[in-house]
């Protein structure tokens, strides 16, 4: 077979046999290159005399002995060429790792370098010119991005610059070491790249449980927990390239499960830079979760009428009074509706900025212990904690030099947004501070 089965079938096979997120899959996928086999066979046929093979057979050698003891020792040039092909392919490879590895600890160097470049580019593009100081900062960001790019170029090319001269200098004492490296890379060649909208269901019968709470099936009409019997839902999530740990181990997910009685099983934790590609691949392969926690307009608009996504119109109206009120704004509703006039995804903060929950506050628990206070749960408690941080010397150096709270006041950071809702204000990015107000 001179060609592969295709990306989607390969993805399905890898997932079904349990090789996802296992480094060995990168070595297995391309363990045999038909292109290299054809090159090697052609070399054997045209450069190894047939008489040598006949002589070996007359002397009693079998095919394996003939190949390893006669043909291979005479084929060092083609072995070096194929080893070089394999090494270059391995060194430049990142796509298979991108598709099949989710744990950043398993990423090969090229994927790490790709992530660094994308991150540097994102930092550069995130700047907005609002002042001379900001312009200077943008220039520094551009300089840093260029330095990172040039550093990546050096790191990615240095091994090739070292190995190529070693191969060319056959009489050098280092030639054998270079040949061994290339032979090893050849053995690891596998590490290289070679309808209509669905109808909403009819409303179910409303019942009452022993506590007097109204239910529809297993779902409570109001309050927490959301369901009576535990439910497990699967999802894939998009994370920042800076996130290296497992999101499922974060305290937030445990609290949500305890309060709702719903367990969210995170099947894959996908870097945001690769989310769209991987989700498209999952959909094509028919291996979709119950929920996509990061909806993308491109994906929703592409598959809205395939039956893949559930209609949310009636569900929002029946179960989500807060969303229903938000959707009274015709601009917001028009932005989240598909071309068929239905809703398949809930709005994100680009459309509804008051739903922004991406800014988190961190409290120094060592300082909390030092001032003898508990984690604040109200704005008044939070204020008292800040006063204690300021006045009670929690760092223990004998000086009143603590800054109780630090915020980055720069356009785009929005570090004050988490406080707006506590004062009845919309979480809107368009604000300004004048005379301390």
Protein backbone atom coordinates (compact mmCIF):
# COMPACT_ATOMS: atom_id res chain seq x y z
CA UNK A 1 0.00 0.00 0.00
CA UNK A 2 1.55 3.27 -1.16
CA UNK A 3 -0.68 5.66 0.80
CA UNK A 4 -2.34 5.85 4.22
CA UNK A 5 -6.00 5.42 5.08
CA UNK A 6 -6.47 9.10 5.86
CA UNK A 7 -6.42 11.26 8.95
CA UNK A 8 -9.94 10.59 10.23
CA UNK A 9 -9.79 6.75 9.97
CA UNK A 10 -6.36 6.78 11.60
CA UNK A 11 -7.68 8.95 14.44
CA UNK A 12 -10.63 6.59 15.00
CA UNK A 13 -8.37 3.53 15.08
CA UNK A 14 -5.90 5.15 17.47
CA UNK A 15 -8.73 6.21 19.80
CA UNK A 16 -10.49 2.84 19.72
CA UNK A 17 -7.38 0.82 20.54
CA UNK A 18 -6.56 3.06 23.49
CA UNK A 19 -3.41 4.76 22.23
CA UNK A 20 -4.56 8.35 22.68
CA UNK A 21 -2.21 10.43 24.84
CA UNK A 22 0.41 7.66 24.92
CA UNK A 23 3.84 8.59 23.53
CA UNK A 24 4.28 5.18 21.90
CA UNK A 25 1.57 6.09 19.37
CA UNK A 26 3.93 8.57 17.71
CA UNK A 27 6.45 5.80 17.10
CA UNK A 28 3.86 3.27 15.92
CA UNK A 29 2.07 5.45 13.37
CA UNK A 30 4.95 5.74 10.93
CA UNK A 31 7.02 2.73 11.93
CA UNK A 32 7.16 1.55 8.29
CA UNK A 33 7.70 3.94 5.40
CA UNK A 34 6.77 2.48 2.04
CA UNK A 35 8.68 5.26 0.32
CA UNK A 36 11.91 4.29 2.10
CA UNK A 37 11.31 0.61 1.39
CA UNK A 38 11.01 1.31 -2.33
CA UNK A 39 14.23 3.33 -2.30
CA UNK A 40 16.10 0.61 -0.39
CA UNK A 41 14.76 -2.18 -2.64
CA UNK A 42 15.81 -0.27 -5.74
CA UNK A 43 19.30 0.16 -4.33
CA UNK A 44 19.59 -3.55 -3.48
CA UNK A 45 18.47 -4.58 -6.99
CA UNK A 46 20.77 -2.20 -8.84
CA UNK A 47 23.91 -2.15 -6.67
CA UNK A 48 24.19 -5.59 -5.06
CA UNK A 49 25.37 -8.24 -7.57
CA UNK A 50 22.98 -11.18 -7.83
CA UNK A 51 25.98 -13.50 -7.83
CA UNK A 52 26.73 -12.64 -4.20
CA UNK A 53 23.28 -13.78 -3.12
CA UNK A 54 23.60 -16.99 -5.16
CA UNK A 55 26.99 -17.69 -3.61
CA UNK A 56 25.57 -17.22 -0.13
CA UNK A 57 22.71 -19.63 -0.91
CA UNK A 58 25.19 -22.24 -2.23
CA UNK A 59 27.15 -21.91 1.03
CA UNK A 60 23.94 -22.69 2.96
CA UNK A 61 22.92 -19.20 4.08
CA UNK A 62 19.20 -18.57 4.48
CA UNK A 63 17.50 -15.32 3.41
CA UNK A 64 17.93 -13.63 6.77
CA UNK A 65 21.64 -14.46 6.90
CA UNK A 66 22.09 -13.27 3.34
CA UNK A 67 20.35 -10.01 4.06
CA UNK A 68 22.08 -9.15 7.34
CA UNK A 69 25.57 -10.56 6.59
CA UNK A 70 25.91 -9.84 2.86
CA UNK A 71 23.50 -7.17 1.66
CA UNK A 72 23.35 -4.75 4.60
CA UNK A 73 27.15 -4.44 5.03
CA UNK A 74 27.34 -3.46 1.36
CA UNK A 75 24.48 -0.95 1.67
CA UNK A 76 25.96 1.63 4.01
CA UNK A 77 25.34 4.53 1.57
CA UNK A 78 21.60 3.90 1.32
CA UNK A 79 21.36 3.25 5.06
CA UNK A 80 22.95 6.65 5.69
CA UNK A 81 20.56 8.33 3.25
CA UNK A 82 17.46 6.71 4.77
CA UNK A 83 18.72 7.46 8.27
CA UNK A 84 19.10 11.08 7.25
CA UNK A 85 15.56 11.11 5.85
CA UNK A 86 14.25 9.61 9.09
CA UNK A 87 16.16 12.00 11.30
CA UNK A 88 15.06 15.11 9.41
CA UNK A 89 11.46 13.86 9.35
CA UNK A 90 11.56 13.18 13.08
CA UNK A 91 13.17 16.49 13.91
CA UNK A 92 10.59 18.48 11.95
CA UNK A 93 7.59 16.45 13.10
CA UNK A 94 4.86 17.89 15.29
CA UNK A 95 1.51 17.06 13.63
CA UNK A 96 1.02 13.54 15.01
CA UNK A 97 1.88 14.74 18.49
CA UNK A 98 -0.59 17.60 18.03
CA UNK A 99 -3.36 15.18 17.09
CA UNK A 100 -2.81 12.34 19.53
CA UNK A 101 -1.07 13.75 22.62
CA UNK A 102 -2.91 15.95 25.12
CA UNK A 103 -0.43 15.94 27.97
CA UNK A 104 2.18 18.67 27.52
CA UNK A 105 4.76 16.49 29.29
CA UNK A 106 4.81 14.18 26.26
CA UNK A 107 5.20 16.91 23.61
CA UNK A 108 8.23 16.56 21.31
CA UNK A 109 10.54 19.53 20.93
CA UNK A 110 9.01 20.79 17.68
CA UNK A 111 5.52 20.99 19.20
CA UNK A 112 6.93 22.81 22.22
CA UNK A 113 8.67 25.27 19.92
CA UNK A 114 5.47 25.73 17.92
CA UNK A 115 3.56 26.50 21.12
CA UNK A 116 6.21 29.04 22.15
CA UNK A 117 5.96 30.79 18.79
CA UNK A 118 2.15 30.92 18.90
CA UNK A 119 2.21 32.21 22.47
CA UNK A 120 4.71 34.94 21.57
CA UNK A 121 2.58 35.93 18.59
CA UNK A 122 -0.55 36.02 20.75
CA UNK A 123 1.15 38.29 23.29
CA UNK A 124 2.24 40.56 20.50
CA UNK A 125 -1.22 40.74 18.91
CA UNK A 126 -2.97 41.36 22.23
CA UNK A 127 -1.53 44.86 22.57
CA UNK A 128 -3.65 47.91 21.77
CA UNK A 129 -2.17 51.35 21.13
CA UNK A 130 -3.75 53.81 23.60
CA UNK A 131 -0.75 55.93 24.65
CA UNK A 132 2.94 56.56 24.07
CA UNK A 133 3.76 54.30 27.02
CA UNK A 134 1.65 51.57 25.50
CA UNK A 135 3.39 52.06 22.15
CA UNK A 136 6.76 51.58 23.84
CA UNK A 137 5.45 48.46 25.50
CA UNK A 138 4.30 47.13 22.12
CA UNK A 139 7.79 47.73 20.74
CA UNK A 140 9.25 45.72 23.62
CA UNK A 141 6.75 42.94 22.99
CA UNK A 142 7.71 42.90 19.30
CA UNK A 143 11.38 42.73 20.24
CA UNK A 144 10.71 39.88 22.65
CA UNK A 145 8.66 38.00 20.03
CA UNK A 146 11.48 38.36 17.50
CA UNK A 147 14.05 37.15 20.03
CA UNK A 148 11.90 34.10 20.77
CA UNK A 149 11.49 33.40 17.05
CA UNK A 150 15.20 33.60 16.36
CA UNK A 151 15.96 31.48 19.42
CA UNK A 152 13.56 28.80 18.16
CA UNK A 153 15.32 28.84 14.78
CA UNK A 154 18.69 28.26 16.45
CA UNK A 155 17.38 25.44 18.67
CA UNK A 156 15.64 23.69 15.77
CA UNK A 157 18.59 23.84 13.37
CA UNK A 158 21.57 23.30 15.72
CA UNK A 159 21.42 19.45 15.78
CA UNK A 160 21.31 19.31 11.97
CA UNK A 161 24.24 21.72 11.72
CA UNK A 162 26.22 19.43 14.01
CA UNK A 163 25.32 16.09 12.43
CA UNK A 164 25.69 16.98 8.75
CA UNK A 165 29.42 17.83 9.01
CA UNK A 166 30.01 14.65 10.99
CA UNK A 167 28.46 12.61 8.19
CA UNK A 168 30.51 14.33 5.53
CA UNK A 169 33.80 13.81 7.35
CA UNK A 170 33.86 10.05 6.98
CA UNK A 171 37.46 9.76 8.19
CA UNK A 172 36.78 11.78 11.30
CA UNK A 173 36.88 9.87 14.60
CA UNK A 174 33.40 11.26 15.24
CA UNK A 175 31.92 9.73 12.07
CA UNK A 176 30.94 6.50 13.77
CA UNK A 177 29.15 8.40 16.51
CA UNK A 178 27.23 10.38 13.92
CA UNK A 179 26.37 7.20 12.03
CA UNK A 180 25.06 5.60 15.24
CA UNK A 181 22.84 8.58 15.91
CA UNK A 182 21.42 8.44 12.39
CA UNK A 183 20.93 4.67 12.57
CA UNK A 184 19.02 5.10 15.81
CA UNK A 185 16.85 7.77 14.22
CA UNK A 186 16.10 5.37 11.35
CA UNK A 187 14.92 2.74 13.81
CA UNK A 188 12.63 5.37 15.27
CA UNK A 189 11.27 6.38 11.88
CA UNK A 190 7.81 5.84 13.26
CA UNK A 191 8.28 9.03 15.21
CA UNK A 192 8.22 11.03 11.97
CA UNK A 193 5.28 12.25 9.92
CA UNK A 194 4.78 10.17 6.99
CA UNK A 195 -30.83 17.59 7.18
CA UNK A 196 -32.78 19.44 8.84
CA UNK A 197 -32.58 20.81 12.37
CA UNK A 198 -33.64 18.39 15.12
CA UNK A 199 -37.00 18.89 16.68
CA UNK A 200 -37.28 19.83 20.35
CA UNK A 201 -38.67 17.08 22.53
CA UNK A 202 -42.12 17.36 24.06
CA UNK A 203 -42.26 18.50 27.70
CA UNK A 204 -42.12 15.67 30.22
CA UNK A 205 -44.46 15.14 33.15
CA UNK A 206 -43.78 17.17 36.28
CA UNK A 207 -43.55 15.16 39.51
CA UNK A 208 -42.75 15.93 43.15
CA UNK A 209 -40.10 14.18 45.23
CA UNK A 210 -40.22 13.38 48.94
CA UNK A 211 -38.87 16.84 49.83
CA UNK A 212 -41.65 18.56 47.91
CA UNK A 213 -39.42 19.75 45.08
CA UNK A 214 -40.84 19.65 41.58
CA UNK A 215 -39.00 17.42 39.09
CA UNK A 216 -39.05 16.58 35.40
CA UNK A 217 -37.62 13.10 35.12
CA UNK A 218 -34.40 13.19 37.16
CA UNK A 219 -34.04 16.99 36.97
CA UNK A 220 -35.27 19.42 39.62
CA UNK A 221 -37.20 22.41 38.32
CA UNK A 222 -35.36 24.83 40.64
CA UNK A 223 -32.47 24.99 43.07
CA UNK A 224 -29.55 22.71 43.84
CA UNK A 225 -28.68 19.97 43.29
CA UNK A 226 -29.80 20.05 39.69
CA UNK A 227 -30.46 16.30 39.46
CA UNK A 228 -31.61 13.80 42.07
CA UNK A 229 -29.59 10.79 40.92
CA UNK A 230 -25.93 11.37 39.96
CA UNK A 231 -25.30 12.03 36.27
CA UNK A 232 -22.03 11.89 34.32
CA UNK A 233 -21.49 14.10 31.28
CA UNK A 234 -18.42 14.02 29.04
CA UNK A 235 -16.73 17.08 27.60
CA UNK A 236 -13.56 18.41 25.99
CA UNK A 237 -12.18 21.76 27.05
CA UNK A 238 -9.88 24.39 25.64
CA UNK A 239 -7.08 25.58 27.90
CA UNK A 240 -4.38 28.21 27.77
CA UNK A 241 -0.96 27.10 26.58
CA UNK A 242 0.26 28.05 30.06
CA UNK A 243 -1.88 25.35 31.72
CA UNK A 244 0.22 22.22 32.28
CA UNK A 245 -1.76 20.50 35.05
CA UNK A 246 -5.02 18.58 34.84
CA UNK A 247 -8.02 20.91 34.90
CA UNK A 248 -10.21 18.11 36.27
CA UNK A 249 -8.22 18.24 39.51
CA UNK A 250 -9.05 21.89 40.11
CA UNK A 251 -11.21 22.62 43.13
CA UNK A 252 -13.84 24.33 40.95
CA UNK A 253 -14.90 21.05 39.34
CA UNK A 254 -15.24 19.30 42.71
CA UNK A 255 -17.42 22.10 44.07
CA UNK A 256 -19.61 22.04 40.96
CA UNK A 257 -20.08 18.28 41.27
CA UNK A 258 -20.93 18.47 44.97
CA UNK A 259 -23.50 21.21 44.44
CA UNK A 260 -25.11 19.96 41.22
CA UNK A 261 -24.77 16.16 41.60
CA UNK A 262 -23.39 16.15 38.03
CA UNK A 263 -19.95 14.72 37.33
CA UNK A 264 -18.16 16.32 34.37
CA UNK A 265 -15.69 13.88 32.81
CA UNK A 266 -13.05 15.79 30.84
CA UNK A 267 -12.09 13.46 28.01
CA UNK A 268 -9.49 15.76 26.49
CA UNK A 269 -7.75 18.93 27.59
CA UNK A 270 -6.85 20.68 24.34
CA UNK A 271 -4.57 23.74 24.04
CA UNK A 272 -6.57 26.69 22.72
CA UNK A 273 -4.28 26.99 19.70
CA UNK A 274 -5.30 23.51 18.52
CA UNK A 275 -8.92 23.36 19.72
CA UNK A 276 -10.69 24.00 16.41
CA UNK A 277 -8.62 21.45 14.48
CA UNK A 278 -9.08 18.72 17.07
CA UNK A 279 -12.80 19.31 17.49
CA UNK A 280 -13.30 19.14 13.72
CA UNK A 281 -11.37 15.88 13.68
CA UNK A 282 -13.48 14.44 16.52
CA UNK A 283 -16.70 15.37 14.76
CA UNK A 284 -15.54 13.82 11.49
CA UNK A 285 -14.59 10.66 13.38
CA UNK A 286 -17.90 10.49 15.23
CA UNK A 287 -16.27 10.56 18.68
CA UNK A 288 -17.96 13.63 20.17
CA UNK A 289 -18.58 14.25 23.89
CA UNK A 290 -21.88 15.25 25.47
CA UNK A 291 -20.79 18.89 25.75
CA UNK A 292 -18.30 21.20 24.08
CA UNK A 293 -17.45 23.63 26.86
CA UNK A 294 -15.82 26.02 24.40
CA UNK A 295 -18.19 26.57 21.52
CA UNK A 296 -16.70 28.02 18.33
CA UNK A 297 -18.88 29.87 15.86
CA UNK A 298 -17.07 28.24 12.93
CA UNK A 299 -17.94 24.76 14.20
CA UNK A 300 -21.52 25.61 15.19
CA UNK A 301 -22.29 27.25 11.85
CA UNK A 302 -20.77 24.31 9.96
CA UNK A 303 -22.66 21.52 11.73
CA UNK A 304 -25.83 23.24 12.99
CA UNK A 305 -28.20 21.36 10.64
CA UNK A 306 -26.58 17.91 10.88
CA UNK A 307 -28.34 16.78 14.05
CA UNK A 308 -25.09 16.93 16.00
CA UNK A 309 -26.16 19.79 18.29
CA UNK A 310 -29.32 19.94 20.40
CA UNK A 311 -31.75 22.79 19.95
CA UNK A 312 -31.52 25.09 22.97
CA UNK A 313 -34.43 27.45 22.22
CA UNK A 314 -37.07 25.67 24.31
CA UNK A 315 -34.56 24.47 26.91
CA UNK A 316 -33.41 28.04 27.59
CA UNK A 317 -36.96 29.29 27.83
CA UNK A 318 -38.02 26.52 30.23
CA UNK A 319 -34.92 26.06 32.37
CA UNK A 320 -32.84 29.23 32.16
CA UNK A 321 -34.73 32.39 33.19
CA UNK A 322 -31.49 34.39 33.44
CA UNK A 323 -30.47 33.48 29.89
CA UNK A 324 -34.00 34.12 28.69
CA UNK A 325 -33.79 37.64 30.06
CA UNK A 326 -30.41 38.19 28.40
CA UNK A 327 -31.83 37.02 25.08
CA UNK A 328 -34.52 39.68 25.25
CA UNK A 329 -31.81 41.89 23.78
CA UNK A 330 -32.33 41.38 20.02
CA UNK A 331 -28.66 42.13 19.26
CA UNK A 332 -27.40 39.35 21.52
CA UNK A 333 -30.00 36.89 20.29
CA UNK A 334 -29.19 37.64 16.65
CA UNK A 335 -25.48 37.05 17.29
CA UNK A 336 -25.92 33.57 18.78
CA UNK A 337 -28.59 32.30 16.37
CA UNK A 338 -27.61 29.99 13.53
CA UNK A 339 -28.72 30.75 9.98
CA UNK A 340 -31.81 28.57 10.50
CA UNK A 341 -33.00 30.86 13.30
CA UNK A 342 -32.27 28.41 16.15
CA UNK A 343 -29.86 28.54 19.08
CA UNK A 344 -27.28 25.77 19.48
CA UNK A 345 -24.77 27.40 21.86
CA UNK A 346 -24.91 29.78 24.81
CA UNK A 347 -23.20 33.18 24.49
CA UNK A 348 -19.64 33.85 25.54
CA UNK A 349 -18.28 37.13 26.82
CA UNK A 350 -17.56 38.62 23.41
CA UNK A 351 -21.33 38.84 23.02
CA UNK A 352 -22.33 39.03 26.68
CA UNK A 353 -19.44 40.60 28.62
CA UNK A 354 -21.25 40.38 31.94
CA UNK A 355 -20.79 36.61 31.72
CA UNK A 356 -17.01 36.98 31.86
CA UNK A 357 -15.56 34.73 34.58
CA UNK A 358 -12.02 34.49 33.24
CA UNK A 359 -10.39 36.77 35.83
CA UNK A 360 -9.57 35.09 39.11
CA UNK A 361 -8.39 36.52 42.42
CA UNK A 362 -5.79 34.72 44.51
CA UNK A 363 -5.49 35.15 48.28
CA UNK A 364 -2.20 34.46 50.08
CA UNK A 365 -3.24 31.75 52.56
CA UNK A 366 0.04 32.06 54.48
CA UNK A 367 -0.87 35.66 55.23
CA UNK A 368 -4.39 34.56 56.19
CA UNK A 369 -2.93 32.17 58.75
CA UNK A 370 -0.54 34.85 60.00
CA UNK A 371 -3.40 37.30 60.75
CA UNK A 372 -5.65 34.52 62.09
CA UNK A 373 -8.51 34.98 59.61
CA UNK A 374 -10.59 32.68 57.42
CA UNK A 375 -11.00 32.82 53.65
CA UNK A 376 -13.39 35.74 52.96
CA UNK A 377 -16.79 34.90 51.48
CA UNK A 378 -18.36 38.39 51.36
CA UNK A 379 -17.17 41.82 50.29
CA UNK A 380 -17.11 42.99 53.93
CA UNK A 381 -14.97 40.02 54.96
CA UNK A 382 -12.70 40.65 51.98
CA UNK A 383 -12.28 44.28 53.04
CA UNK A 384 -11.40 43.26 56.61
CA UNK A 385 -8.82 40.78 55.32
CA UNK A 386 -7.16 43.48 53.21
CA UNK A 387 -7.03 45.83 56.20
CA UNK A 388 -5.42 43.06 58.28
CA UNK A 389 -2.88 42.40 55.54
CA UNK A 390 -2.00 46.09 55.55
CA UNK A 391 -1.76 46.60 59.32
CA UNK A 392 -0.72 43.30 60.97
CA UNK A 393 2.63 42.57 59.29
CA UNK A 394 1.71 39.12 57.84
CA UNK A 395 5.13 38.67 56.22
CA UNK A 396 6.76 38.97 59.66
CA UNK A 397 9.59 41.35 58.75
CA UNK A 398 8.66 43.92 61.40
CA UNK A 399 7.76 46.54 58.81
CA UNK A 400 4.38 47.74 57.63
CA UNK A 401 5.34 47.31 54.00
CA UNK A 402 2.71 44.85 52.75
CA UNK A 403 0.58 45.67 49.73
CA UNK A 404 -2.75 44.08 50.65
CA UNK A 405 -3.92 43.85 47.05
CA UNK A 406 -2.24 44.21 43.66
CA UNK A 407 -4.03 44.76 40.34
CA UNK A 408 -2.76 45.33 36.84
CA UNK A 409 -4.46 48.48 35.60
CA UNK A 410 -3.89 48.19 31.88
CA UNK A 411 -6.32 48.13 29.01
CA UNK A 412 -7.38 44.58 28.23
CA UNK A 413 -6.53 43.06 31.63
CA UNK A 414 -9.90 43.96 33.23
CA UNK A 415 -8.73 43.03 36.71
CA UNK A 416 -11.55 45.07 38.29
CA UNK A 417 -14.25 43.18 36.44
CA UNK A 418 -14.72 40.47 39.11
CA UNK A 419 -15.86 43.18 41.55
CA UNK A 420 -18.45 44.86 39.34
CA UNK A 421 -21.26 42.39 39.92
CA UNK A 422 -20.93 42.77 43.71
CA UNK A 423 -22.01 46.39 43.33
CA UNK A 424 -24.79 45.77 40.83
CA UNK A 425 -22.72 46.93 37.88
CA UNK A 426 -22.56 45.22 34.47
CA UNK A 427 -19.24 43.49 33.81
CA UNK A 428 -18.36 45.69 30.87
CA UNK A 429 -14.83 46.21 29.59
CA UNK A 430 -15.54 49.81 28.58
CA UNK A 431 -14.77 51.67 31.78
CA UNK A 432 -12.34 54.37 32.91
CA UNK A 433 -11.01 55.58 36.26
CA UNK A 434 -11.05 59.36 36.73
CA UNK A 435 -9.95 60.99 40.00
CA UNK A 436 -10.03 57.63 41.74
CA UNK A 437 -13.63 56.92 40.69
